[in-house]
Amino acid sequence: MHAVITVIGKDMVGILARVSAICAENNVNVVEVTQSILQDLFAMIMMVDLSKCTIPFSELSDKLTELGGELGLTIHAMHEDIFNSMHHV
């Protein structure tokens, strides 16, 4: 099982590290990551493997949303199945 994590907001030091730390703490493996900085706007998309995750996906999503609130970012986690359904034509 995979999920897509998106992060958008004002660029600052440590965004990738903080999001990755939550993943690591819950045994979620980062499979692929792409990020861009457009002027002072940070945008990142991560594909993560949930197969060994130690908490329910909803709890992981809540932790990431909470981190986003702390840092002034929008962080959204979406299960791969939902992502694929939404973007299938």
PDB file of N, CA and C in Angstrom:
ATOM      1  N   MET A   1       0.825  -1.183   0.000  1.00  0.00           N
ATOM      2  CA  MET A   1       0.000   0.000   0.000  1.00  0.00           C
ATOM      3  C   MET A   1       0.867   1.244   0.000  1.00  0.00           C
ATOM      4  N   HIS A   2       0.459   2.206  -0.782  1.00  0.00           N
ATOM      5  CA  HIS A   2       1.186   3.466  -0.871  1.00  0.00           C
ATOM      6  C   HIS A   2       0.255   4.632  -0.573  1.00  0.00           C
ATOM      7  N   ALA A   3       0.876   5.775  -0.301  1.00  0.00           N
ATOM      8  CA  ALA A   3       0.135   7.024  -0.118  1.00  0.00           C
ATOM      9  C   ALA A   3       0.936   8.139  -0.762  1.00  0.00           C
ATOM     10  N   VAL A   4       0.232   9.220  -1.085  1.00  0.00           N
ATOM     11  CA  VAL A   4       0.854  10.415  -1.627  1.00  0.00           C
ATOM     12  C   VAL A   4       0.738  11.509  -0.562  1.00  0.00           C
ATOM     13  N   ILE A   5       1.872  12.126  -0.233  1.00  0.00           N
ATOM     14  CA  ILE A   5       1.898  13.230   0.723  1.00  0.00           C
ATOM     15  C   ILE A   5       2.301  14.475  -0.050  1.00  0.00           C
ATOM     16  N   THR A   6       1.488  15.526   0.064  1.00  0.00           N
ATOM     17  CA  THR A   6       1.824  16.793  -0.584  1.00  0.00           C
ATOM     18  C   THR A   6       2.062  17.848   0.488  1.00  0.00           C
ATOM     19  N   VAL A   7       3.011  18.726   0.206  1.00  0.00           N
ATOM     20  CA  VAL A   7       3.352  19.815   1.130  1.00  0.00           C
ATOM     21  C   VAL A   7       3.483  21.089   0.307  1.00  0.00           C
ATOM     22  N   ILE A   8       2.792  22.139   0.744  1.00  0.00           N
ATOM     23  CA  ILE A   8       2.867  23.432   0.057  1.00  0.00           C
ATOM     24  C   ILE A   8       2.922  24.533   1.103  1.00  0.00           C
ATOM     25  N   GLY A   9       3.779  25.508   0.876  1.00  0.00           N
ATOM     26  CA  GLY A   9       3.840  26.647   1.784  1.00  0.00           C
ATOM     27  C   GLY A   9       5.113  27.440   1.604  1.00  0.00           C
ATOM     28  N   LYS A  10       5.302  28.392   2.484  1.00  0.00           N
ATOM     29  CA  LYS A  10       6.492  29.242   2.451  1.00  0.00           C
ATOM     30  C   LYS A  10       7.725  28.396   2.749  1.00  0.00           C
ATOM     31  N   ASP A  11       8.755  28.571   1.954  1.00  0.00           N
ATOM     32  CA  ASP A  11       9.986  27.801   2.121  1.00  0.00           C
ATOM     33  C   ASP A  11      10.674  28.139   3.436  1.00  0.00           C
ATOM     34  N   MET A  12      11.191  27.119   4.093  1.00  0.00           N
ATOM     35  CA  MET A  12      11.990  27.279   5.313  1.00  0.00           C
ATOM     36  C   MET A  12      12.883  26.050   5.475  1.00  0.00           C
ATOM     37  N   VAL A  13      13.877  26.160   6.277  1.00  0.00           N
ATOM     38  CA  VAL A  13      14.799  25.063   6.527  1.00  0.00           C
ATOM     39  C   VAL A  13      14.079  23.936   7.276  1.00  0.00           C
ATOM     40  N   GLY A  14      14.282  22.701   6.835  1.00  0.00           N
ATOM     41  CA  GLY A  14      13.853  21.533   7.592  1.00  0.00           C
ATOM     42  C   GLY A  14      12.500  20.933   7.253  1.00  0.00           C
ATOM     43  N   ILE A  15      11.827  21.428   6.211  1.00  0.00           N
ATOM     44  CA  ILE A  15      10.505  20.881   5.897  1.00  0.00           C
ATOM     45  C   ILE A  15      10.609  19.400   5.557  1.00  0.00           C
ATOM     46  N   LEU A  16      11.472  19.061   4.624  1.00  0.00           N
ATOM     47  CA  LEU A  16      11.634  17.657   4.227  1.00  0.00           C
ATOM     48  C   LEU A  16      12.026  16.802   5.427  1.00  0.00           C
ATOM     49  N   ALA A  17      12.919  17.296   6.260  1.00  0.00           N
ATOM     50  CA  ALA A  17      13.370  16.546   7.441  1.00  0.00           C
ATOM     51  C   ALA A  17      12.230  16.292   8.416  1.00  0.00           C
ATOM     52  N   ARG A  18      11.388  17.297   8.650  1.00  0.00           N
ATOM     53  CA  ARG A  18      10.289  17.153   9.621  1.00  0.00           C
ATOM     54  C   ARG A  18       9.231  16.168   9.126  1.00  0.00           C
ATOM     55  N   VAL A  19       8.882  16.256   7.838  1.00  0.00           N
ATOM     56  CA  VAL A  19       7.897  15.320   7.280  1.00  0.00           C
ATOM     57  C   VAL A  19       8.469  13.901   7.268  1.00  0.00           C
ATOM     58  N   SER A  20       9.715  13.771   6.863  1.00  0.00           N
ATOM     59  CA  SER A  20      10.371  12.461   6.837  1.00  0.00           C
ATOM     60  C   SER A  20      10.496  11.864   8.235  1.00  0.00           C
ATOM     61  N   ALA A  21      10.707  12.707   9.242  1.00  0.00           N
ATOM     62  CA  ALA A  21      10.828  12.229  10.621  1.00  0.00           C
ATOM     63  C   ALA A  21       9.525  11.582  11.089  1.00  0.00           C
ATOM     64  N   ILE A  22       8.388  12.186  10.761  1.00  0.00           N
ATOM     65  CA  ILE A  22       7.100  11.586  11.130  1.00  0.00           C
ATOM     66  C   ILE A  22       6.938  10.242  10.430  1.00  0.00           C
ATOM     67  N   CYS A  23       7.340  10.189   9.164  1.00  0.00           N
ATOM     68  CA  CYS A  23       7.275   8.917   8.440  1.00  0.00           C
ATOM     69  C   CYS A  23       8.159   7.867   9.122  1.00  0.00           C
ATOM     70  N   ALA A  24       9.383   8.225   9.424  1.00  0.00           N
ATOM     71  CA  ALA A  24      10.321   7.285  10.036  1.00  0.00           C
ATOM     72  C   ALA A  24       9.850   6.809  11.404  1.00  0.00           C
ATOM     73  N   GLU A  25       9.305   7.719  12.207  1.00  0.00           N
ATOM     74  CA  GLU A  25       8.818   7.359  13.546  1.00  0.00           C
ATOM     75  C   GLU A  25       7.703   6.318  13.487  1.00  0.00           C
ATOM     76  N   ASN A  26       7.004   6.260  12.358  1.00  0.00           N
ATOM     77  CA  ASN A  26       5.868   5.346  12.220  1.00  0.00           C
ATOM     78  C   ASN A  26       6.120   4.246  11.198  1.00  0.00           C
ATOM     79  N   ASN A  27       7.402   4.025  10.881  1.00  0.00           N
ATOM     80  CA  ASN A  27       7.847   2.958   9.993  1.00  0.00           C
ATOM     81  C   ASN A  27       7.229   3.061   8.594  1.00  0.00           C
ATOM     82  N   VAL A  28       7.102   4.297   8.113  1.00  0.00           N
ATOM     83  CA  VAL A  28       6.617   4.568   6.764  1.00  0.00           C
ATOM     84  C   VAL A  28       7.838   4.886   5.906  1.00  0.00           C
ATOM     85  N   ASN A  29       8.020   4.122   4.834  1.00  0.00           N
ATOM     86  CA  ASN A  29       9.192   4.277   3.985  1.00  0.00           C
ATOM     87  C   ASN A  29       8.913   5.275   2.858  1.00  0.00           C
ATOM     88  N   VAL A  30       9.793   6.259   2.707  1.00  0.00           N
ATOM     89  CA  VAL A  30       9.686   7.209   1.605  1.00  0.00           C
ATOM     90  C   VAL A  30      10.264   6.534   0.364  1.00  0.00           C
ATOM     91  N   VAL A  31       9.414   6.327  -0.633  1.00  0.00           N
ATOM     92  CA  VAL A  31       9.804   5.623  -1.852  1.00  0.00           C
ATOM     93  C   VAL A  31      10.331   6.594  -2.898  1.00  0.00           C
ATOM     94  N   GLU A  32       9.664   7.727  -3.011  1.00  0.00           N
ATOM     95  CA  GLU A  32      10.044   8.706  -4.024  1.00  0.00           C
ATOM     96  C   GLU A  32       9.654  10.092  -3.532  1.00  0.00           C
ATOM     97  N   VAL A  33      10.460  11.083  -3.874  1.00  0.00           N
ATOM     98  CA  VAL A  33      10.148  12.453  -3.464  1.00  0.00           C
ATOM     99  C   VAL A  33      10.606  13.419  -4.548  1.00  0.00           C
ATOM    100  N   THR A  34       9.784  14.415  -4.780  1.00  0.00           N
ATOM    101  CA  THR A  34      10.162  15.501  -5.674  1.00  0.00           C
ATOM    102  C   THR A  34       9.764  16.804  -4.989  1.00  0.00           C
ATOM    103  N   GLN A  35      10.621  17.788  -5.119  1.00  0.00           N
ATOM    104  CA  GLN A  35      10.316  19.078  -4.501  1.00  0.00           C
ATOM    105  C   GLN A  35      10.817  20.188  -5.391  1.00  0.00           C
ATOM    106  N   SER A  36      10.150  21.318  -5.274  1.00  0.00           N
ATOM    107  CA  SER A  36      10.542  22.512  -6.016  1.00  0.00           C
ATOM    108  C   SER A  36      10.397  23.717  -5.107  1.00  0.00           C
ATOM    109  N   ILE A  37      11.221  24.702  -5.360  1.00  0.00           N
ATOM    110  CA  ILE A  37      11.096  25.980  -4.670  1.00  0.00           C
ATOM    111  C   ILE A  37      10.912  27.027  -5.754  1.00  0.00           C
ATOM    112  N   LEU A  38       9.770  27.687  -5.726  1.00  0.00           N
ATOM    113  CA  LEU A  38       9.435  28.713  -6.702  1.00  0.00           C
ATOM    114  C   LEU A  38       9.410  30.041  -5.963  1.00  0.00           C
ATOM    115  N   GLN A  39      10.455  30.839  -6.158  1.00  0.00           N
ATOM    116  CA  GLN A  39      10.687  32.051  -5.384  1.00  0.00           C
ATOM    117  C   GLN A  39      10.743  31.655  -3.913  1.00  0.00           C
ATOM    118  N   ASP A  40       9.739  31.968  -3.101  1.00  0.00           N
ATOM    119  CA  ASP A  40       9.780  31.549  -1.695  1.00  0.00           C
ATOM    120  C   ASP A  40       8.699  30.517  -1.374  1.00  0.00           C
ATOM    121  N   LEU A  41       8.131  29.883  -2.410  1.00  0.00           N
ATOM    122  CA  LEU A  41       7.097  28.872  -2.230  1.00  0.00           C
ATOM    123  C   LEU A  41       7.697  27.481  -2.363  1.00  0.00           C
ATOM    124  N   PHE A  42       7.476  26.661  -1.337  1.00  0.00           N
ATOM    125  CA  PHE A  42       7.968  25.284  -1.309  1.00  0.00           C
ATOM    126  C   PHE A  42       6.833  24.361  -1.724  1.00  0.00           C
ATOM    127  N   ALA A  43       7.114  23.422  -2.633  1.00  0.00           N
ATOM    128  CA  ALA A  43       6.126  22.426  -3.050  1.00  0.00           C
ATOM    129  C   ALA A  43       6.817  21.065  -3.098  1.00  0.00           C
ATOM    130  N   MET A  44       6.196  20.058  -2.456  1.00  0.00           N
ATOM    131  CA  MET A  44       6.790  18.720  -2.421  1.00  0.00           C
ATOM    132  C   MET A  44       5.699  17.666  -2.577  1.00  0.00           C
ATOM    133  N   ILE A  45       6.041  16.612  -3.294  1.00  0.00           N
ATOM    134  CA  ILE A  45       5.182  15.435  -3.405  1.00  0.00           C
ATOM    135  C   ILE A  45       6.032  14.233  -3.026  1.00  0.00           C
ATOM    136  N   MET A  46       5.515  13.421  -2.094  1.00  0.00           N
ATOM    137  CA  MET A  46       6.201  12.196  -1.671  1.00  0.00           C
ATOM    138  C   MET A  46       5.292  11.000  -1.934  1.00  0.00           C
ATOM    139  N   MET A  47       5.884   9.917  -2.410  1.00  0.00           N
ATOM    140  CA  MET A  47       5.193   8.634  -2.471  1.00  0.00           C
ATOM    141  C   MET A  47       5.788   7.808  -1.334  1.00  0.00           C
ATOM    142  N   VAL A  48       4.927   7.284  -0.459  1.00  0.00           N
ATOM    143  CA  VAL A  48       5.405   6.515   0.690  1.00  0.00           C
ATOM    144  C   VAL A  48       4.773   5.125   0.699  1.00  0.00           C
ATOM    145  N   ASP A  49       5.499   4.199   1.265  1.00  0.00           N
ATOM    146  CA  ASP A  49       5.043   2.816   1.411  1.00  0.00           C
ATOM    147  C   ASP A  49       4.487   2.641   2.819  1.00  0.00           C
ATOM    148  N   LEU A  50       3.222   2.258   2.899  1.00  0.00           N
ATOM    149  CA  LEU A  50       2.538   2.111   4.187  1.00  0.00           C
ATOM    150  C   LEU A  50       2.514   0.672   4.693  1.00  0.00           C
ATOM    151  N   SER A  51       3.114  -0.255   3.974  1.00  0.00           N
ATOM    152  CA  SER A  51       2.949  -1.677   4.293  1.00  0.00           C
ATOM    153  C   SER A  51       3.423  -2.054   5.702  1.00  0.00           C
ATOM    154  N   LYS A  52       4.356  -1.298   6.277  1.00  0.00           N
ATOM    155  CA  LYS A  52       4.842  -1.596   7.628  1.00  0.00           C
ATOM    156  C   LYS A  52       4.504  -0.497   8.631  1.00  0.00           C
ATOM    157  N   CYS A  53       3.584   0.369   8.255  1.00  0.00           N
ATOM    158  CA  CYS A  53       3.201   1.487   9.119  1.00  0.00           C
ATOM    159  C   CYS A  53       2.648   0.963  10.443  1.00  0.00           C
ATOM    160  N   THR A  54       3.070   1.563  11.538  1.00  0.00           N
ATOM    161  CA  THR A  54       2.714   1.080  12.879  1.00  0.00           C
ATOM    162  C   THR A  54       1.455   1.734  13.447  1.00  0.00           C
ATOM    163  N   ILE A  55       0.867   2.683  12.712  1.00  0.00           N
ATOM    164  CA  ILE A  55      -0.360   3.339  13.164  1.00  0.00           C
ATOM    165  C   ILE A  55      -1.360   3.351  12.009  1.00  0.00           C
ATOM    166  N   PRO A  56      -2.642   3.547  12.305  1.00  0.00           N
ATOM    167  CA  PRO A  56      -3.621   3.649  11.218  1.00  0.00           C
ATOM    168  C   PRO A  56      -3.310   4.846  10.312  1.00  0.00           C
ATOM    169  N   PHE A  57      -3.662   4.720   9.040  1.00  0.00           N
ATOM    170  CA  PHE A  57      -3.398   5.785   8.080  1.00  0.00           C
ATOM    171  C   PHE A  57      -4.025   7.111   8.514  1.00  0.00           C
ATOM    172  N   SER A  58      -5.219   7.053   9.078  1.00  0.00           N
ATOM    173  CA  SER A  58      -5.895   8.283   9.515  1.00  0.00           C
ATOM    174  C   SER A  58      -5.083   9.011  10.580  1.00  0.00           C
ATOM    175  N   GLU A  59      -4.446   8.262  11.461  1.00  0.00           N
ATOM    176  CA  GLU A  59      -3.614   8.873  12.505  1.00  0.00           C
ATOM    177  C   GLU A  59      -2.358   9.498  11.898  1.00  0.00           C
ATOM    178  N   LEU A  60      -1.748   8.816  10.939  1.00  0.00           N
ATOM    179  CA  LEU A  60      -0.584   9.369  10.243  1.00  0.00           C
ATOM    180  C   LEU A  60      -0.972  10.668   9.543  1.00  0.00           C
ATOM    181  N   SER A  61      -2.100  10.660   8.867  1.00  0.00           N
ATOM    182  CA  SER A  61      -2.588  11.844   8.182  1.00  0.00           C
ATOM    183  C   SER A  61      -2.802  12.997   9.169  1.00  0.00           C
ATOM    184  N   ASP A  62      -3.382  12.694  10.327  1.00  0.00           N
ATOM    185  CA  ASP A  62      -3.607  13.712  11.354  1.00  0.00           C
ATOM    186  C   ASP A  62      -2.296  14.296  11.860  1.00  0.00           C
ATOM    187  N   LYS A  63      -1.279  13.450  12.057  1.00  0.00           N
ATOM    188  CA  LYS A  63       0.029  13.932  12.525  1.00  0.00           C
ATOM    189  C   LYS A  63       0.659  14.880  11.505  1.00  0.00           C
ATOM    190  N   LEU A  64       0.529  14.540  10.234  1.00  0.00           N
ATOM    191  CA  LEU A  64       1.088  15.389   9.187  1.00  0.00           C
ATOM    192  C   LEU A  64       0.326  16.713   9.084  1.00  0.00           C
ATOM    193  N   THR A  65      -0.990  16.654   9.202  1.00  0.00           N
ATOM    194  CA  THR A  65      -1.799  17.875   9.183  1.00  0.00           C
ATOM    195  C   THR A  65      -1.438  18.772  10.356  1.00  0.00           C
ATOM    196  N   GLU A  66      -1.236  18.169  11.523  1.00  0.00           N
ATOM    197  CA  GLU A  66      -0.847  18.931  12.711  1.00  0.00           C
ATOM    198  C   GLU A  66       0.508  19.606  12.503  1.00  0.00           C
ATOM    199  N   LEU A  67       1.457  18.874  11.927  1.00  0.00           N
ATOM    200  CA  LEU A  67       2.766  19.459  11.630  1.00  0.00           C
ATOM    201  C   LEU A  67       2.606  20.647  10.684  1.00  0.00           C
ATOM    202  N   GLY A  68       1.764  20.484   9.681  1.00  0.00           N
ATOM    203  CA  GLY A  68       1.516  21.575   8.754  1.00  0.00           C
ATOM    204  C   GLY A  68       1.011  22.814   9.476  1.00  0.00           C
ATOM    205  N   GLY A  69       0.098  22.618  10.419  1.00  0.00           N
ATOM    206  CA  GLY A  69      -0.419  23.738  11.200  1.00  0.00           C
ATOM    207  C   GLY A  69       0.667  24.436  11.999  1.00  0.00           C
ATOM    208  N   GLU A  70       1.563  23.637  12.582  1.00  0.00           N
ATOM    209  CA  GLU A  70       2.662  24.197  13.373  1.00  0.00           C
ATOM    210  C   GLU A  70       3.614  25.030  12.512  1.00  0.00           C
ATOM    211  N   LEU A  71       3.840  24.570  11.278  1.00  0.00           N
ATOM    212  CA  LEU A  71       4.820  25.219  10.407  1.00  0.00           C
ATOM    213  C   LEU A  71       4.201  26.217   9.431  1.00  0.00           C
ATOM    214  N   GLY A  72       2.886  26.336   9.441  1.00  0.00           N
ATOM    215  CA  GLY A  72       2.223  27.232   8.503  1.00  0.00           C
ATOM    216  C   GLY A  72       2.207  26.695   7.082  1.00  0.00           C
ATOM    217  N   LEU A  73       2.149  25.381   6.951  1.00  0.00           N
ATOM    218  CA  LEU A  73       2.148  24.705   5.653  1.00  0.00           C
ATOM    219  C   LEU A  73       0.836  23.953   5.469  1.00  0.00           C
ATOM    220  N   THR A  74       0.521  23.625   4.235  1.00  0.00           N
ATOM    221  CA  THR A  74      -0.574  22.713   3.955  1.00  0.00           C
ATOM    222  C   THR A  74       0.048  21.354   3.660  1.00  0.00           C
ATOM    223  N   ILE A  75      -0.209  20.385   4.531  1.00  0.00           N
ATOM    224  CA  ILE A  75       0.296  19.027   4.334  1.00  0.00           C
ATOM    225  C   ILE A  75      -0.916  18.110   4.239  1.00  0.00           C
ATOM    226  N   HIS A  76      -0.961  17.344   3.160  1.00  0.00           N
ATOM    227  CA  HIS A  76      -2.099  16.464   2.919  1.00  0.00           C
ATOM    228  C   HIS A  76      -1.584  15.072   2.564  1.00  0.00           C
ATOM    229  N   ALA A  77      -2.149  14.058   3.208  1.00  0.00           N
ATOM    230  CA  ALA A  77      -1.813  12.673   2.894  1.00  0.00           C
ATOM    231  C   ALA A  77      -3.043  12.006   2.294  1.00  0.00           C
ATOM    232  N   MET A  78      -2.850  11.343   1.166  1.00  0.00           N
ATOM    233  CA  MET A  78      -3.953  10.686   0.489  1.00  0.00           C
ATOM    234  C   MET A  78      -3.536   9.264   0.116  1.00  0.00           C
ATOM    235  N   HIS A  79      -4.386   8.310   0.467  1.00  0.00           N
ATOM    236  CA  HIS A  79      -4.111   6.922   0.121  1.00  0.00           C
ATOM    237  C   HIS A  79      -4.017   6.794  -1.396  1.00  0.00           C
ATOM    238  N   GLU A  80      -3.108   5.973  -1.864  1.00  0.00           N
ATOM    239  CA  GLU A  80      -2.862   5.817  -3.301  1.00  0.00           C
ATOM    240  C   GLU A  80      -4.132   5.438  -4.064  1.00  0.00           C
ATOM    241  N   ASP A  81      -4.965   4.592  -3.507  1.00  0.00           N
ATOM    242  CA  ASP A  81      -6.188   4.174  -4.202  1.00  0.00           C
ATOM    243  C   ASP A  81      -7.108   5.370  -4.459  1.00  0.00           C
ATOM    244  N   ILE A  82      -7.243   6.228  -3.473  1.00  0.00           N
ATOM    245  CA  ILE A  82      -8.084   7.424  -3.633  1.00  0.00           C
ATOM    246  C   ILE A  82      -7.455   8.375  -4.637  1.00  0.00           C
ATOM    247  N   PHE A  83      -6.140   8.557  -4.536  1.00  0.00           N
ATOM    248  CA  PHE A  83      -5.424   9.428  -5.463  1.00  0.00           C
ATOM    249  C   PHE A  83      -5.640   8.945  -6.897  1.00  0.00           C
ATOM    250  N   ASN A  84      -5.466   7.643  -7.125  1.00  0.00           N
ATOM    251  CA  ASN A  84      -5.625   7.091  -8.472  1.00  0.00           C
ATOM    252  C   ASN A  84      -7.061   7.233  -8.971  1.00  0.00           C
ATOM    253  N   SER A  85      -8.040   7.020  -8.095  1.00  0.00           N
ATOM    254  CA  SER A  85      -9.448   7.166  -8.486  1.00  0.00           C
ATOM    255  C   SER A  85      -9.774   8.600  -8.875  1.00  0.00           C
ATOM    256  N   MET A  86      -9.241   9.558  -8.132  1.00  0.00           N
ATOM    257  CA  MET A  86      -9.521  10.961  -8.407  1.00  0.00           C
ATOM    258  C   MET A  86      -8.881  11.440  -9.697  1.00  0.00           C
ATOM    259  N   HIS A  87      -7.763  10.827 -10.087  1.00  0.00           N
ATOM    260  CA  HIS A  87      -7.019  11.304 -11.239  1.00  0.00           C
ATOM    261  C   HIS A  87      -7.097  10.356 -12.426  1.00  0.00           C
ATOM    262  N   HIS A  88      -8.080   9.490 -12.415  1.00  0.00           N
ATOM    263  CA  HIS A  88      -8.281   8.559 -13.527  1.00  0.00           C
ATOM    264  C   HIS A  88      -9.353   9.121 -14.455  1.00  0.00           C
ATOM    265  N   VAL A  89      -9.037   9.197 -15.729  1.00  0.00           N
ATOM    266  CA  VAL A  89      -9.995   9.734 -16.685  1.00  0.00           C
ATOM    267  C   VAL A  89     -10.664   8.610 -17.439  1.00  0.00           C
TER     268      VAL A  89
END
